[in-house]
Amino acid sequence: MAKLNFGGVEENVITREEFPLAKAKETLKDETIAVLGYGVQGPGQSLNLRDNGFNVIVGQRKGSKSWDKAVEDGWVPGENLF
């Protein structure tokens, strides 16, 4: 575990070596990860998770530009887009 100092506050941070992708997949294999919103951060985070084999759903208000973008990116309304 690495120790990092953020503005005078020391934090313990788990490194990639301690918690690799395979361990994350095993830990979350029976879980569903919900990403709320498909604005600035939503596409990058949700697509990255989905592309790495995690079970992901996206919550976004229907009828918005972000909803349309999510559909364009392959999210399916009623299946993994709500």
N, C-alpha and C. Protein backbone atom coordinates (compact mmCIF):
# COMPACT_ATOMS: atom_id res chain seq x y z
N MET A 1 0.85 -1.17 0.00
CA MET A 1 0.00 0.00 0.00
C MET A 1 0.90 1.23 0.00
N ALA A 2 0.58 2.15 -0.85
CA ALA A 2 1.34 3.39 -0.94
C ALA A 2 0.73 4.44 -0.01
N LYS A 3 1.57 5.32 0.49
CA LYS A 3 1.10 6.45 1.29
C LYS A 3 1.33 7.71 0.46
N LEU A 4 0.26 8.47 0.27
CA LEU A 4 0.34 9.72 -0.48
C LEU A 4 -0.14 10.87 0.39
N ASN A 5 0.46 12.03 0.20
CA ASN A 5 0.08 13.21 0.97
C ASN A 5 -0.68 14.16 0.05
N PHE A 6 -1.94 14.38 0.38
CA PHE A 6 -2.79 15.30 -0.38
C PHE A 6 -3.09 16.51 0.48
N GLY A 7 -2.43 17.61 0.22
CA GLY A 7 -2.68 18.85 0.94
C GLY A 7 -2.52 18.72 2.45
N GLY A 8 -1.53 17.96 2.87
CA GLY A 8 -1.28 17.78 4.29
C GLY A 8 -2.02 16.62 4.93
N VAL A 9 -2.81 15.92 4.16
CA VAL A 9 -3.54 14.75 4.66
C VAL A 9 -2.92 13.51 4.04
N GLU A 10 -2.43 12.62 4.90
CA GLU A 10 -1.82 11.39 4.40
C GLU A 10 -2.88 10.32 4.16
N GLU A 11 -2.83 9.73 2.97
CA GLU A 11 -3.81 8.72 2.57
C GLU A 11 -3.10 7.42 2.24
N ASN A 12 -3.72 6.30 2.60
CA ASN A 12 -3.25 4.99 2.17
C ASN A 12 -3.96 4.66 0.87
N VAL A 13 -3.19 4.31 -0.15
CA VAL A 13 -3.74 4.05 -1.48
C VAL A 13 -3.33 2.65 -1.93
N ILE A 14 -4.31 1.86 -2.34
CA ILE A 14 -4.03 0.53 -2.86
C ILE A 14 -3.52 0.68 -4.28
N THR A 15 -2.42 0.01 -4.58
CA THR A 15 -1.81 0.13 -5.91
C THR A 15 -2.32 -0.95 -6.85
N ARG A 16 -2.06 -0.75 -8.12
CA ARG A 16 -2.47 -1.70 -9.15
C ARG A 16 -1.83 -3.07 -8.92
N GLU A 17 -0.61 -3.07 -8.41
CA GLU A 17 0.07 -4.34 -8.13
C GLU A 17 -0.65 -5.12 -7.03
N GLU A 18 -1.23 -4.42 -6.08
CA GLU A 18 -1.94 -5.07 -4.98
C GLU A 18 -3.35 -5.49 -5.36
N PHE A 19 -3.95 -4.80 -6.31
CA PHE A 19 -5.33 -5.07 -6.70
C PHE A 19 -5.45 -4.99 -8.21
N PRO A 20 -4.91 -6.00 -8.92
CA PRO A 20 -4.94 -5.98 -10.39
C PRO A 20 -6.34 -6.18 -10.95
N LEU A 21 -6.49 -5.97 -12.25
CA LEU A 21 -7.78 -6.09 -12.92
C LEU A 21 -8.41 -7.45 -12.69
N ALA A 22 -7.62 -8.51 -12.74
CA ALA A 22 -8.17 -9.86 -12.54
C ALA A 22 -8.81 -10.00 -11.16
N LYS A 23 -8.19 -9.41 -10.16
CA LYS A 23 -8.75 -9.47 -8.80
C LYS A 23 -10.04 -8.65 -8.72
N ALA A 24 -10.07 -7.51 -9.38
CA ALA A 24 -11.29 -6.69 -9.40
C ALA A 24 -12.42 -7.44 -10.08
N LYS A 25 -12.12 -8.11 -11.19
CA LYS A 25 -13.15 -8.90 -11.89
C LYS A 25 -13.68 -10.01 -11.01
N GLU A 26 -12.80 -10.69 -10.31
CA GLU A 26 -13.23 -11.78 -9.43
C GLU A 26 -14.08 -11.24 -8.29
N THR A 27 -13.68 -10.12 -7.72
CA THR A 27 -14.40 -9.53 -6.60
C THR A 27 -15.79 -9.06 -7.01
N LEU A 28 -15.92 -8.51 -8.22
CA LEU A 28 -17.18 -7.92 -8.67
C LEU A 28 -17.94 -8.79 -9.67
N LYS A 29 -17.56 -10.05 -9.82
CA LYS A 29 -18.15 -10.91 -10.86
C LYS A 29 -19.66 -11.07 -10.74
N ASP A 30 -20.21 -11.03 -9.53
CA ASP A 30 -21.65 -11.21 -9.34
C ASP A 30 -22.37 -9.90 -9.07
N GLU A 31 -21.68 -8.79 -9.27
CA GLU A 31 -22.24 -7.47 -8.97
C GLU A 31 -22.59 -6.72 -10.25
N THR A 32 -23.48 -5.76 -10.13
CA THR A 32 -23.81 -4.85 -11.22
C THR A 32 -23.34 -3.46 -10.82
N ILE A 33 -22.59 -2.83 -11.69
CA ILE A 33 -22.09 -1.48 -11.44
C ILE A 33 -23.00 -0.50 -12.17
N ALA A 34 -23.56 0.46 -11.45
CA ALA A 34 -24.43 1.46 -12.05
C ALA A 34 -23.67 2.77 -12.21
N VAL A 35 -23.69 3.31 -13.41
CA VAL A 35 -23.12 4.62 -13.69
C VAL A 35 -24.29 5.56 -13.90
N LEU A 36 -24.39 6.56 -13.03
CA LEU A 36 -25.50 7.51 -13.10
C LEU A 36 -25.07 8.74 -13.87
N GLY A 37 -25.69 8.95 -15.01
CA GLY A 37 -25.36 10.09 -15.86
C GLY A 37 -24.41 9.69 -16.97
N TYR A 38 -24.61 10.27 -18.12
CA TYR A 38 -23.80 9.97 -19.29
C TYR A 38 -23.29 11.27 -19.90
N GLY A 39 -22.89 12.19 -19.02
CA GLY A 39 -22.38 13.48 -19.47
C GLY A 39 -20.90 13.43 -19.78
N VAL A 40 -20.09 14.13 -19.01
CA VAL A 40 -18.65 14.21 -19.26
C VAL A 40 -17.93 12.93 -18.84
N GLN A 41 -18.17 12.45 -17.63
CA GLN A 41 -17.46 11.29 -17.09
C GLN A 41 -18.10 9.96 -17.45
N GLY A 42 -19.40 9.93 -17.60
CA GLY A 42 -20.13 8.68 -17.78
C GLY A 42 -19.67 7.80 -18.92
N PRO A 43 -19.48 8.34 -20.13
CA PRO A 43 -19.07 7.47 -21.24
C PRO A 43 -17.72 6.79 -20.99
N GLY A 44 -16.75 7.55 -20.57
CA GLY A 44 -15.42 6.98 -20.35
C GLY A 44 -15.42 5.90 -19.29
N GLN A 45 -16.09 6.16 -18.18
CA GLN A 45 -16.09 5.19 -17.10
C GLN A 45 -16.93 3.96 -17.43
N SER A 46 -18.12 4.16 -17.96
CA SER A 46 -19.00 3.02 -18.23
C SER A 46 -18.48 2.15 -19.37
N LEU A 47 -17.99 2.77 -20.43
CA LEU A 47 -17.46 1.99 -21.55
C LEU A 47 -16.19 1.24 -21.16
N ASN A 48 -15.34 1.87 -20.35
CA ASN A 48 -14.13 1.20 -19.88
C ASN A 48 -14.50 -0.03 -19.06
N LEU A 49 -15.43 0.12 -18.14
CA LEU A 49 -15.87 -1.02 -17.33
C LEU A 49 -16.48 -2.11 -18.20
N ARG A 50 -17.38 -1.73 -19.09
CA ARG A 50 -18.03 -2.71 -19.97
C ARG A 50 -17.00 -3.44 -20.84
N ASP A 51 -16.08 -2.68 -21.42
CA ASP A 51 -15.06 -3.27 -22.29
C ASP A 51 -14.12 -4.20 -21.54
N ASN A 52 -14.03 -4.02 -20.23
CA ASN A 52 -13.18 -4.88 -19.41
C ASN A 52 -13.95 -6.03 -18.77
N GLY A 53 -15.20 -6.24 -19.20
CA GLY A 53 -15.94 -7.42 -18.79
C GLY A 53 -16.80 -7.28 -17.55
N PHE A 54 -16.99 -6.07 -17.05
CA PHE A 54 -17.83 -5.87 -15.88
C PHE A 54 -19.29 -5.72 -16.32
N ASN A 55 -20.21 -6.09 -15.43
CA ASN A 55 -21.64 -5.93 -15.69
C ASN A 55 -22.03 -4.50 -15.32
N VAL A 56 -22.39 -3.71 -16.32
CA VAL A 56 -22.62 -2.27 -16.12
C VAL A 56 -24.00 -1.89 -16.64
N ILE A 57 -24.68 -1.03 -15.89
CA ILE A 57 -25.90 -0.39 -16.37
C ILE A 57 -25.70 1.12 -16.27
N VAL A 58 -26.41 1.85 -17.12
CA VAL A 58 -26.30 3.31 -17.15
C VAL A 58 -27.67 3.92 -16.85
N GLY A 59 -27.69 4.89 -15.97
CA GLY A 59 -28.90 5.64 -15.68
C GLY A 59 -28.79 7.03 -16.29
N GLN A 60 -29.69 7.35 -17.20
CA GLN A 60 -29.68 8.66 -17.86
C GLN A 60 -31.10 9.04 -18.23
N ARG A 61 -31.44 10.31 -18.07
CA ARG A 61 -32.78 10.78 -18.40
C ARG A 61 -33.07 10.60 -19.88
N LYS A 62 -34.18 9.92 -20.16
CA LYS A 62 -34.57 9.67 -21.54
C LYS A 62 -34.94 10.98 -22.24
N GLY A 63 -34.61 11.06 -23.51
CA GLY A 63 -34.94 12.24 -24.29
C GLY A 63 -33.86 13.31 -24.29
N SER A 64 -32.78 13.08 -23.59
CA SER A 64 -31.68 14.05 -23.55
C SER A 64 -30.63 13.71 -24.61
N LYS A 65 -29.74 14.65 -24.89
CA LYS A 65 -28.64 14.39 -25.82
C LYS A 65 -27.75 13.27 -25.29
N SER A 66 -27.59 13.23 -23.98
CA SER A 66 -26.76 12.19 -23.38
C SER A 66 -27.39 10.81 -23.55
N TRP A 67 -28.72 10.74 -23.49
CA TRP A 67 -29.42 9.46 -23.74
C TRP A 67 -29.11 9.00 -25.17
N ASP A 68 -29.25 9.92 -26.12
CA ASP A 68 -28.98 9.59 -27.52
C ASP A 68 -27.54 9.12 -27.71
N LYS A 69 -26.60 9.78 -27.03
CA LYS A 69 -25.19 9.40 -27.11
C LYS A 69 -24.98 8.00 -26.54
N ALA A 70 -25.65 7.69 -25.44
CA ALA A 70 -25.53 6.37 -24.83
C ALA A 70 -26.03 5.29 -25.79
N VAL A 71 -27.14 5.56 -26.45
CA VAL A 71 -27.68 4.60 -27.43
C VAL A 71 -26.69 4.43 -28.59
N GLU A 72 -26.12 5.54 -29.06
CA GLU A 72 -25.12 5.47 -30.13
C GLU A 72 -23.91 4.64 -29.72
N ASP A 73 -23.58 4.68 -28.43
CA ASP A 73 -22.42 3.95 -27.91
C ASP A 73 -22.72 2.48 -27.64
N GLY A 74 -23.97 2.05 -27.92
CA GLY A 74 -24.29 0.64 -27.79
C GLY A 74 -25.06 0.23 -26.56
N TRP A 75 -25.45 1.18 -25.72
CA TRP A 75 -26.27 0.85 -24.56
C TRP A 75 -27.70 0.62 -25.04
N VAL A 76 -28.36 -0.37 -24.47
CA VAL A 76 -29.68 -0.79 -24.94
C VAL A 76 -30.76 -0.36 -23.94
N PRO A 77 -31.69 0.52 -24.37
CA PRO A 77 -32.76 0.94 -23.46
C PRO A 77 -33.53 -0.25 -22.90
N GLY A 78 -33.76 -0.22 -21.59
CA GLY A 78 -34.50 -1.28 -20.92
C GLY A 78 -33.67 -2.51 -20.60
N GLU A 79 -32.47 -2.59 -21.15
CA GLU A 79 -31.59 -3.73 -20.88
C GLU A 79 -30.40 -3.31 -20.01
N ASN A 80 -29.66 -2.31 -20.47
CA ASN A 80 -28.55 -1.79 -19.67
C ASN A 80 -28.50 -0.26 -19.68
N LEU A 81 -29.56 0.35 -20.20
CA LEU A 81 -29.73 1.81 -20.18
C LEU A 81 -31.11 2.12 -19.64
N PHE A 82 -31.14 2.85 -18.54
CA PHE A 82 -32.41 3.15 -17.86
C PHE A 82 -32.51 4.64 -17.58
